Amino acid sequence: MLKVIVLGSGCPNCRKLEQLCHVVAEENNLNMNLEKITDFNKFADYGIMFTPGLVLNGKVVSSGKIPTKETLAHWMIDANQNPQ
């Protein structure tokens, strides 16, 4: 199962990234467990200084921006095929 963590305060960009993860998972038949972290103190545990942050299977793949749908799909499919 693909473990996805979205780190953010709950701002519009953070919610958009979360929704995009759901869309990509559904379109690519990925079994995903998505967790949202809104505690600013935990952001530093992942080295995230700018939100939204995205972690796939324990690896930070993005911080401070929303990836394109195509890029996100590539990352998620790769992480699903190569779990840590």
PDB file of N, CA and C in Angstrom:
ATOM      1  N   MET A   1       0.836  -1.179   0.000  1.00  0.00           N
ATOM      2  CA  MET A   1       0.000   0.000   0.000  1.00  0.00           C
ATOM      3  C   MET A   1       0.883   1.245   0.000  1.00  0.00           C
ATOM      4  N   LEU A   2       0.503   2.212  -0.793  1.00  0.00           N
ATOM      5  CA  LEU A   2       1.220   3.467  -0.908  1.00  0.00           C
ATOM      6  C   LEU A   2       0.857   4.349   0.281  1.00  0.00           C
ATOM      7  N   LYS A   3       1.871   4.798   1.030  1.00  0.00           N
ATOM      8  CA  LYS A   3       1.636   5.684   2.163  1.00  0.00           C
ATOM      9  C   LYS A   3       1.958   7.108   1.740  1.00  0.00           C
ATOM     10  N   VAL A   4       0.944   7.969   1.784  1.00  0.00           N
ATOM     11  CA  VAL A   4       1.065   9.360   1.365  1.00  0.00           C
ATOM     12  C   VAL A   4       0.815  10.247   2.575  1.00  0.00           C
ATOM     13  N   ILE A   5       1.692  11.225   2.779  1.00  0.00           N
ATOM     14  CA  ILE A   5       1.507  12.207   3.840  1.00  0.00           C
ATOM     15  C   ILE A   5       1.526  13.586   3.198  1.00  0.00           C
ATOM     16  N   VAL A   6       0.471  14.360   3.472  1.00  0.00           N
ATOM     17  CA  VAL A   6       0.401  15.747   3.034  1.00  0.00           C
ATOM     18  C   VAL A   6       0.589  16.599   4.285  1.00  0.00           C
ATOM     19  N   LEU A   7       1.599  17.450   4.265  1.00  0.00           N
ATOM     20  CA  LEU A   7       1.879  18.333   5.385  1.00  0.00           C
ATOM     21  C   LEU A   7       1.459  19.741   5.027  1.00  0.00           C
ATOM     22  N   GLY A   8       0.640  20.348   5.873  1.00  0.00           N
ATOM     23  CA  GLY A   8       0.200  21.708   5.616  1.00  0.00           C
ATOM     24  C   GLY A   8      -0.790  22.173   6.650  1.00  0.00           C
ATOM     25  N   SER A   9      -1.021  23.459   6.654  1.00  0.00           N
ATOM     26  CA  SER A   9      -1.879  24.086   7.650  1.00  0.00           C
ATOM     27  C   SER A   9      -3.367  23.909   7.380  1.00  0.00           C
ATOM     28  N   GLY A  10      -3.693  23.430   6.194  1.00  0.00           N
ATOM     29  CA  GLY A  10      -5.094  23.337   5.797  1.00  0.00           C
ATOM     30  C   GLY A  10      -5.465  24.446   4.832  1.00  0.00           C
ATOM     31  N   CYS A  11      -4.451  25.134   4.312  1.00  0.00           N
ATOM     32  CA  CYS A  11      -4.671  26.213   3.351  1.00  0.00           C
ATOM     33  C   CYS A  11      -5.215  25.641   2.035  1.00  0.00           C
ATOM     34  N   PRO A  12      -5.695  26.497   1.150  1.00  0.00           N
ATOM     35  CA  PRO A  12      -6.223  26.011  -0.131  1.00  0.00           C
ATOM     36  C   PRO A  12      -5.240  25.156  -0.921  1.00  0.00           C
ATOM     37  N   ASN A  13      -3.957  25.513  -0.938  1.00  0.00           N
ATOM     38  CA  ASN A  13      -2.980  24.712  -1.681  1.00  0.00           C
ATOM     39  C   ASN A  13      -2.806  23.333  -1.063  1.00  0.00           C
ATOM     40  N   CYS A  14      -2.839  23.259   0.252  1.00  0.00           N
ATOM     41  CA  CYS A  14      -2.696  21.967   0.931  1.00  0.00           C
ATOM     42  C   CYS A  14      -3.898  21.071   0.617  1.00  0.00           C
ATOM     43  N   ARG A  15      -5.078  21.659   0.639  1.00  0.00           N
ATOM     44  CA  ARG A  15      -6.292  20.891   0.320  1.00  0.00           C
ATOM     45  C   ARG A  15      -6.289  20.461  -1.148  1.00  0.00           C
ATOM     46  N   LYS A  16      -5.789  21.332  -2.018  1.00  0.00           N
ATOM     47  CA  LYS A  16      -5.717  20.997  -3.447  1.00  0.00           C
ATOM     48  C   LYS A  16      -4.765  19.827  -3.671  1.00  0.00           C
ATOM     49  N   LEU A  17      -3.617  19.826  -2.995  1.00  0.00           N
ATOM     50  CA  LEU A  17      -2.669  18.725  -3.135  1.00  0.00           C
ATOM     51  C   LEU A  17      -3.280  17.423  -2.626  1.00  0.00           C
ATOM     52  N   GLU A  18      -3.969  17.492  -1.503  1.00  0.00           N
ATOM     53  CA  GLU A  18      -4.622  16.296  -0.960  1.00  0.00           C
ATOM     54  C   GLU A  18      -5.640  15.738  -1.962  1.00  0.00           C
ATOM     55  N   GLN A  19      -6.464  16.605  -2.517  1.00  0.00           N
ATOM     56  CA  GLN A  19      -7.468  16.176  -3.491  1.00  0.00           C
ATOM     57  C   GLN A  19      -6.807  15.600  -4.738  1.00  0.00           C
ATOM     58  N   LEU A  20      -5.726  16.210  -5.192  1.00  0.00           N
ATOM     59  CA  LEU A  20      -5.011  15.732  -6.369  1.00  0.00           C
ATOM     60  C   LEU A  20      -4.448  14.327  -6.125  1.00  0.00           C
ATOM     61  N   CYS A  21      -3.970  14.078  -4.926  1.00  0.00           N
ATOM     62  CA  CYS A  21      -3.472  12.732  -4.578  1.00  0.00           C
ATOM     63  C   CYS A  21      -4.596  11.707  -4.699  1.00  0.00           C
ATOM     64  N   HIS A  22      -5.783  12.065  -4.223  1.00  0.00           N
ATOM     65  CA  HIS A  22      -6.924  11.151  -4.324  1.00  0.00           C
ATOM     66  C   HIS A  22      -7.288  10.886  -5.782  1.00  0.00           C
ATOM     67  N   VAL A  23      -7.279  11.925  -6.604  1.00  0.00           N
ATOM     68  CA  VAL A  23      -7.613  11.783  -8.026  1.00  0.00           C
ATOM     69  C   VAL A  23      -6.604  10.868  -8.720  1.00  0.00           C
ATOM     70  N   VAL A  24      -5.324  11.112  -8.489  1.00  0.00           N
ATOM     71  CA  VAL A  24      -4.275  10.307  -9.126  1.00  0.00           C
ATOM     72  C   VAL A  24      -4.369   8.852  -8.672  1.00  0.00           C
ATOM     73  N   ALA A  25      -4.593   8.637  -7.379  1.00  0.00           N
ATOM     74  CA  ALA A  25      -4.702   7.269  -6.867  1.00  0.00           C
ATOM     75  C   ALA A  25      -5.878   6.540  -7.513  1.00  0.00           C
ATOM     76  N   GLU A  26      -7.007   7.224  -7.628  1.00  0.00           N
ATOM     77  CA  GLU A  26      -8.194   6.600  -8.225  1.00  0.00           C
ATOM     78  C   GLU A  26      -7.978   6.311  -9.710  1.00  0.00           C
ATOM     79  N   GLU A  27      -7.432   7.272 -10.430  1.00  0.00           N
ATOM     80  CA  GLU A  27      -7.239   7.104 -11.869  1.00  0.00           C
ATOM     81  C   GLU A  27      -6.231   6.004 -12.200  1.00  0.00           C
ATOM     82  N   ASN A  28      -5.299   5.734 -11.280  1.00  0.00           N
ATOM     83  CA  ASN A  28      -4.252   4.743 -11.533  1.00  0.00           C
ATOM     84  C   ASN A  28      -4.414   3.481 -10.696  1.00  0.00           C
ATOM     85  N   ASN A  29      -5.599   3.323 -10.086  1.00  0.00           N
ATOM     86  CA  ASN A  29      -5.912   2.140  -9.281  1.00  0.00           C
ATOM     87  C   ASN A  29      -4.846   1.853  -8.228  1.00  0.00           C
ATOM     88  N   LEU A  30      -4.419   2.907  -7.517  1.00  0.00           N
ATOM     89  CA  LEU A  30      -3.415   2.758  -6.476  1.00  0.00           C
ATOM     90  C   LEU A  30      -4.100   2.620  -5.123  1.00  0.00           C
ATOM     91  N   ASN A  31      -3.675   1.651  -4.349  1.00  0.00           N
ATOM     92  CA  ASN A  31      -4.176   1.472  -2.997  1.00  0.00           C
ATOM     93  C   ASN A  31      -3.383   2.418  -2.107  1.00  0.00           C
ATOM     94  N   MET A  32      -4.020   3.482  -1.643  1.00  0.00           N
ATOM     95  CA  MET A  32      -3.321   4.558  -0.954  1.00  0.00           C
ATOM     96  C   MET A  32      -3.865   4.773   0.444  1.00  0.00           C
ATOM     97  N   ASN A  33      -2.959   5.026   1.375  1.00  0.00           N
ATOM     98  CA  ASN A  33      -3.309   5.461   2.718  1.00  0.00           C
ATOM     99  C   ASN A  33      -2.797   6.887   2.852  1.00  0.00           C
ATOM    100  N   LEU A  34      -3.702   7.869   2.929  1.00  0.00           N
ATOM    101  CA  LEU A  34      -3.307   9.264   2.993  1.00  0.00           C
ATOM    102  C   LEU A  34      -3.480   9.796   4.406  1.00  0.00           C
ATOM    103  N   GLU A  35      -2.429  10.435   4.901  1.00  0.00           N
ATOM    104  CA  GLU A  35      -2.441  11.056   6.220  1.00  0.00           C
ATOM    105  C   GLU A  35      -2.181  12.542   6.041  1.00  0.00           C
ATOM    106  N   LYS A  36      -2.911  13.359   6.795  1.00  0.00           N
ATOM    107  CA  LYS A  36      -2.687  14.804   6.777  1.00  0.00           C
ATOM    108  C   LYS A  36      -2.022  15.186   8.096  1.00  0.00           C
ATOM    109  N   ILE A  37      -0.969  15.974   8.012  1.00  0.00           N
ATOM    110  CA  ILE A  37      -0.314  16.488   9.206  1.00  0.00           C
ATOM    111  C   ILE A  37      -0.426  18.006   9.164  1.00  0.00           C
ATOM    112  N   THR A  38      -1.070  18.563  10.184  1.00  0.00           N
ATOM    113  CA  THR A  38      -1.263  20.008  10.247  1.00  0.00           C
ATOM    114  C   THR A  38      -0.485  20.649  11.395  1.00  0.00           C
ATOM    115  N   ASP A  39       0.215  19.842  12.177  1.00  0.00           N
ATOM    116  CA  ASP A  39       1.002  20.328  13.314  1.00  0.00           C
ATOM    117  C   ASP A  39       2.339  20.882  12.809  1.00  0.00           C
ATOM    118  N   PHE A  40       2.505  22.198  12.922  1.00  0.00           N
ATOM    119  CA  PHE A  40       3.725  22.852  12.428  1.00  0.00           C
ATOM    120  C   PHE A  40       4.990  22.243  13.034  1.00  0.00           C
ATOM    121  N   ASN A  41       4.922  21.800  14.270  1.00  0.00           N
ATOM    122  CA  ASN A  41       6.095  21.216  14.927  1.00  0.00           C
ATOM    123  C   ASN A  41       6.561  19.932  14.244  1.00  0.00           C
ATOM    124  N   LYS A  42       5.643  19.214  13.624  1.00  0.00           N
ATOM    125  CA  LYS A  42       5.998  17.961  12.949  1.00  0.00           C
ATOM    126  C   LYS A  42       6.573  18.193  11.558  1.00  0.00           C
ATOM    127  N   PHE A  43       6.323  19.366  10.972  1.00  0.00           N
ATOM    128  CA  PHE A  43       6.858  19.664   9.645  1.00  0.00           C
ATOM    129  C   PHE A  43       8.380  19.543   9.650  1.00  0.00           C
ATOM    130  N   ALA A  44       9.008  20.046  10.721  1.00  0.00           N
ATOM    131  CA  ALA A  44      10.464  20.030  10.818  1.00  0.00           C
ATOM    132  C   ALA A  44      11.011  18.607  10.868  1.00  0.00           C
ATOM    133  N   ASP A  45      10.228  17.669  11.404  1.00  0.00           N
ATOM    134  CA  ASP A  45      10.663  16.266  11.439  1.00  0.00           C
ATOM    135  C   ASP A  45      10.930  15.738  10.034  1.00  0.00           C
ATOM    136  N   TYR A  46      10.245  16.307   9.063  1.00  0.00           N
ATOM    137  CA  TYR A  46      10.401  15.892   7.666  1.00  0.00           C
ATOM    138  C   TYR A  46      11.289  16.850   6.876  1.00  0.00           C
ATOM    139  N   GLY A  47      11.758  17.906   7.530  1.00  0.00           N
ATOM    140  CA  GLY A  47      12.576  18.897   6.837  1.00  0.00           C
ATOM    141  C   GLY A  47      11.754  19.820   5.956  1.00  0.00           C
ATOM    142  N   ILE A  48      10.467  19.905   6.219  1.00  0.00           N
ATOM    143  CA  ILE A  48       9.566  20.750   5.425  1.00  0.00           C
ATOM    144  C   ILE A  48       9.545  22.156   6.014  1.00  0.00           C
ATOM    145  N   MET A  49       9.961  23.134   5.235  1.00  0.00           N
ATOM    146  CA  MET A  49       9.931  24.531   5.673  1.00  0.00           C
ATOM    147  C   MET A  49       8.790  25.296   5.006  1.00  0.00           C
ATOM    148  N   PHE A  50       8.383  24.837   3.833  1.00  0.00           N
ATOM    149  CA  PHE A  50       7.313  25.489   3.088  1.00  0.00           C
ATOM    150  C   PHE A  50       6.244  24.457   2.756  1.00  0.00           C
ATOM    151  N   THR A  51       4.998  24.858   2.909  1.00  0.00           N
ATOM    152  CA  THR A  51       3.901  23.941   2.621  1.00  0.00           C
ATOM    153  C   THR A  51       3.263  24.313   1.294  1.00  0.00           C
ATOM    154  N   PRO A  52       2.576  23.381   0.670  1.00  0.00           N
ATOM    155  CA  PRO A  52       2.355  22.023   1.146  1.00  0.00           C
ATOM    156  C   PRO A  52       3.580  21.134   0.953  1.00  0.00           C
ATOM    157  N   GLY A  53       3.702  20.172   1.839  1.00  0.00           N
ATOM    158  CA  GLY A  53       4.755  19.173   1.720  1.00  0.00           C
ATOM    159  C   GLY A  53       4.132  17.835   1.357  1.00  0.00           C
ATOM    160  N   LEU A  54       4.889  17.024   0.638  1.00  0.00           N
ATOM    161  CA  LEU A  54       4.388  15.723   0.222  1.00  0.00           C
ATOM    162  C   LEU A  54       5.442  14.661   0.491  1.00  0.00           C
ATOM    163  N   VAL A  55       5.030  13.609   1.191  1.00  0.00           N
ATOM    164  CA  VAL A  55       5.910  12.494   1.531  1.00  0.00           C
ATOM    165  C   VAL A  55       5.275  11.220   0.982  1.00  0.00           C
ATOM    166  N   LEU A  56       6.041  10.448   0.226  1.00  0.00           N
ATOM    167  CA  LEU A  56       5.571   9.180  -0.323  1.00  0.00           C
ATOM    168  C   LEU A  56       6.433   8.056   0.237  1.00  0.00           C
ATOM    169  N   ASN A  57       5.802   7.131   0.940  1.00  0.00           N
ATOM    170  CA  ASN A  57       6.513   5.994   1.542  1.00  0.00           C
ATOM    171  C   ASN A  57       7.734   6.451   2.341  1.00  0.00           C
ATOM    172  N   GLY A  58       7.578   7.537   3.096  1.00  0.00           N
ATOM    173  CA  GLY A  58       8.637   8.008   3.971  1.00  0.00           C
ATOM    174  C   GLY A  58       9.655   8.927   3.333  1.00  0.00           C
ATOM    175  N   LYS A  59       9.531   9.201   2.039  1.00  0.00           N
ATOM    176  CA  LYS A  59      10.485  10.047   1.329  1.00  0.00           C
ATOM    177  C   LYS A  59       9.830  11.363   0.926  1.00  0.00           C
ATOM    178  N   VAL A  60      10.445  12.482   1.324  1.00  0.00           N
ATOM    179  CA  VAL A  60       9.937  13.801   0.933  1.00  0.00           C
ATOM    180  C   VAL A  60      10.183  13.985  -0.562  1.00  0.00           C
ATOM    181  N   VAL A  61       9.106  14.256  -1.303  1.00  0.00           N
ATOM    182  CA  VAL A  61       9.244  14.441  -2.750  1.00  0.00           C
ATOM    183  C   VAL A  61       8.925  15.867  -3.193  1.00  0.00           C
ATOM    184  N   SER A  62       8.273  16.642  -2.321  1.00  0.00           N
ATOM    185  CA  SER A  62       7.897  17.990  -2.722  1.00  0.00           C
ATOM    186  C   SER A  62       7.679  18.853  -1.492  1.00  0.00           C
ATOM    187  N   SER A  63       8.023  20.139  -1.640  1.00  0.00           N
ATOM    188  CA  SER A  63       7.808  21.098  -0.560  1.00  0.00           C
ATOM    189  C   SER A  63       7.596  22.478  -1.156  1.00  0.00           C
ATOM    190  N   GLY A  64       6.549  23.148  -0.704  1.00  0.00           N
ATOM    191  CA  GLY A  64       6.315  24.530  -1.108  1.00  0.00           C
ATOM    192  C   GLY A  64       5.642  24.737  -2.437  1.00  0.00           C
ATOM    193  N   LYS A  65       5.160  23.655  -3.055  1.00  0.00           N
ATOM    194  CA  LYS A  65       4.481  23.808  -4.346  1.00  0.00           C
ATOM    195  C   LYS A  65       3.545  22.631  -4.575  1.00  0.00           C
ATOM    196  N   ILE A  66       2.685  22.793  -5.547  1.00  0.00           N
ATOM    197  CA  ILE A  66       1.796  21.706  -5.960  1.00  0.00           C
ATOM    198  C   ILE A  66       2.350  21.166  -7.275  1.00  0.00           C
ATOM    199  N   PRO A  67       2.750  19.897  -7.292  1.00  0.00           N
ATOM    200  CA  PRO A  67       3.260  19.337  -8.551  1.00  0.00           C
ATOM    201  C   PRO A  67       2.140  19.222  -9.580  1.00  0.00           C
ATOM    202  N   THR A  68       2.500  19.146 -10.836  1.00  0.00           N
ATOM    203  CA  THR A  68       1.488  18.912 -11.861  1.00  0.00           C
ATOM    204  C   THR A  68       0.891  17.526 -11.645  1.00  0.00           C
ATOM    205  N   LYS A  69      -0.267  17.326 -12.190  1.00  0.00           N
ATOM    206  CA  LYS A  69      -0.928  16.029 -12.066  1.00  0.00           C
ATOM    207  C   LYS A  69      -0.057  14.921 -12.655  1.00  0.00           C
ATOM    208  N   GLU A  70       0.571  15.196 -13.788  1.00  0.00           N
ATOM    209  CA  GLU A  70       1.407  14.214 -14.458  1.00  0.00           C
ATOM    210  C   GLU A  70       2.631  13.854 -13.602  1.00  0.00           C
ATOM    211  N   THR A  71       3.262  14.867 -13.019  1.00  0.00           N
ATOM    212  CA  THR A  71       4.419  14.630 -12.163  1.00  0.00           C
ATOM    213  C   THR A  71       4.013  13.841 -10.935  1.00  0.00           C
ATOM    214  N   LEU A  72       2.910  14.234 -10.312  1.00  0.00           N
ATOM    215  CA  LEU A  72       2.427  13.526  -9.130  1.00  0.00           C
ATOM    216  C   LEU A  72       2.118  12.072  -9.460  1.00  0.00           C
ATOM    217  N   ALA A  73       1.489  11.830 -10.595  1.00  0.00           N
ATOM    218  CA  ALA A  73       1.173  10.457 -11.000  1.00  0.00           C
ATOM    219  C   ALA A  73       2.458   9.646 -11.160  1.00  0.00           C
ATOM    220  N   HIS A  74       3.470  10.233 -11.787  1.00  0.00           N
ATOM    221  CA  HIS A  74       4.752   9.555 -11.965  1.00  0.00           C
ATOM    222  C   HIS A  74       5.349   9.185 -10.604  1.00  0.00           C
ATOM    223  N   TRP A  75       5.377  10.138  -9.682  1.00  0.00           N
ATOM    224  CA  TRP A  75       5.936   9.891  -8.349  1.00  0.00           C
ATOM    225  C   TRP A  75       5.162   8.798  -7.613  1.00  0.00           C
ATOM    226  N   MET A  76       3.840   8.893  -7.660  1.00  0.00           N
ATOM    227  CA  MET A  76       3.018   7.940  -6.906  1.00  0.00           C
ATOM    228  C   MET A  76       3.109   6.527  -7.489  1.00  0.00           C
ATOM    229  N   ILE A  77       3.099   6.417  -8.798  1.00  0.00           N
ATOM    230  CA  ILE A  77       3.211   5.098  -9.433  1.00  0.00           C
ATOM    231  C   ILE A  77       4.580   4.497  -9.134  1.00  0.00           C
ATOM    232  N   ASP A  78       5.619   5.319  -9.218  1.00  0.00           N
ATOM    233  CA  ASP A  78       6.971   4.835  -8.928  1.00  0.00           C
ATOM    234  C   ASP A  78       7.089   4.400  -7.476  1.00  0.00           C
ATOM    235  N   ALA A  79       6.564   5.194  -6.549  1.00  0.00           N
ATOM    236  CA  ALA A  79       6.622   4.855  -5.123  1.00  0.00           C
ATOM    237  C   ALA A  79       5.818   3.591  -4.830  1.00  0.00           C
ATOM    238  N   ASN A  80       4.726   3.405  -5.548  1.00  0.00           N
ATOM    239  CA  ASN A  80       3.900   2.214  -5.346  1.00  0.00           C
ATOM    240  C   ASN A  80       4.607   0.959  -5.850  1.00  0.00           C
ATOM    241  N   GLN A  81       5.355   1.085  -6.933  1.00  0.00           N
ATOM    242  CA  GLN A  81       6.072  -0.061  -7.506  1.00  0.00           C
ATOM    243  C   GLN A  81       7.375  -0.338  -6.784  1.00  0.00           C
ATOM    244  N   ASN A  82       7.924   0.660  -6.112  1.00  0.00           N
ATOM    245  CA  ASN A  82       9.218   0.513  -5.429  1.00  0.00           C
ATOM    246  C   ASN A  82       9.105   0.956  -3.972  1.00  0.00           C
ATOM    247  N   PRO A  83       8.321   0.243  -3.158  1.00  0.00           N
ATOM    248  CA  PRO A  83       8.161   0.665  -1.762  1.00  0.00           C
ATOM    249  C   PRO A  83       9.484   0.584  -1.011  1.00  0.00           C
ATOM    250  N   GLN A  84       9.629   1.471  -0.073  1.00  0.00           N
ATOM    251  CA  GLN A  84      10.878   1.527   0.719  1.00  0.00           C
ATOM    252  C   GLN A  84      10.962   0.364   1.684  1.00  0.00           C
TER     253      GLN A  84
END
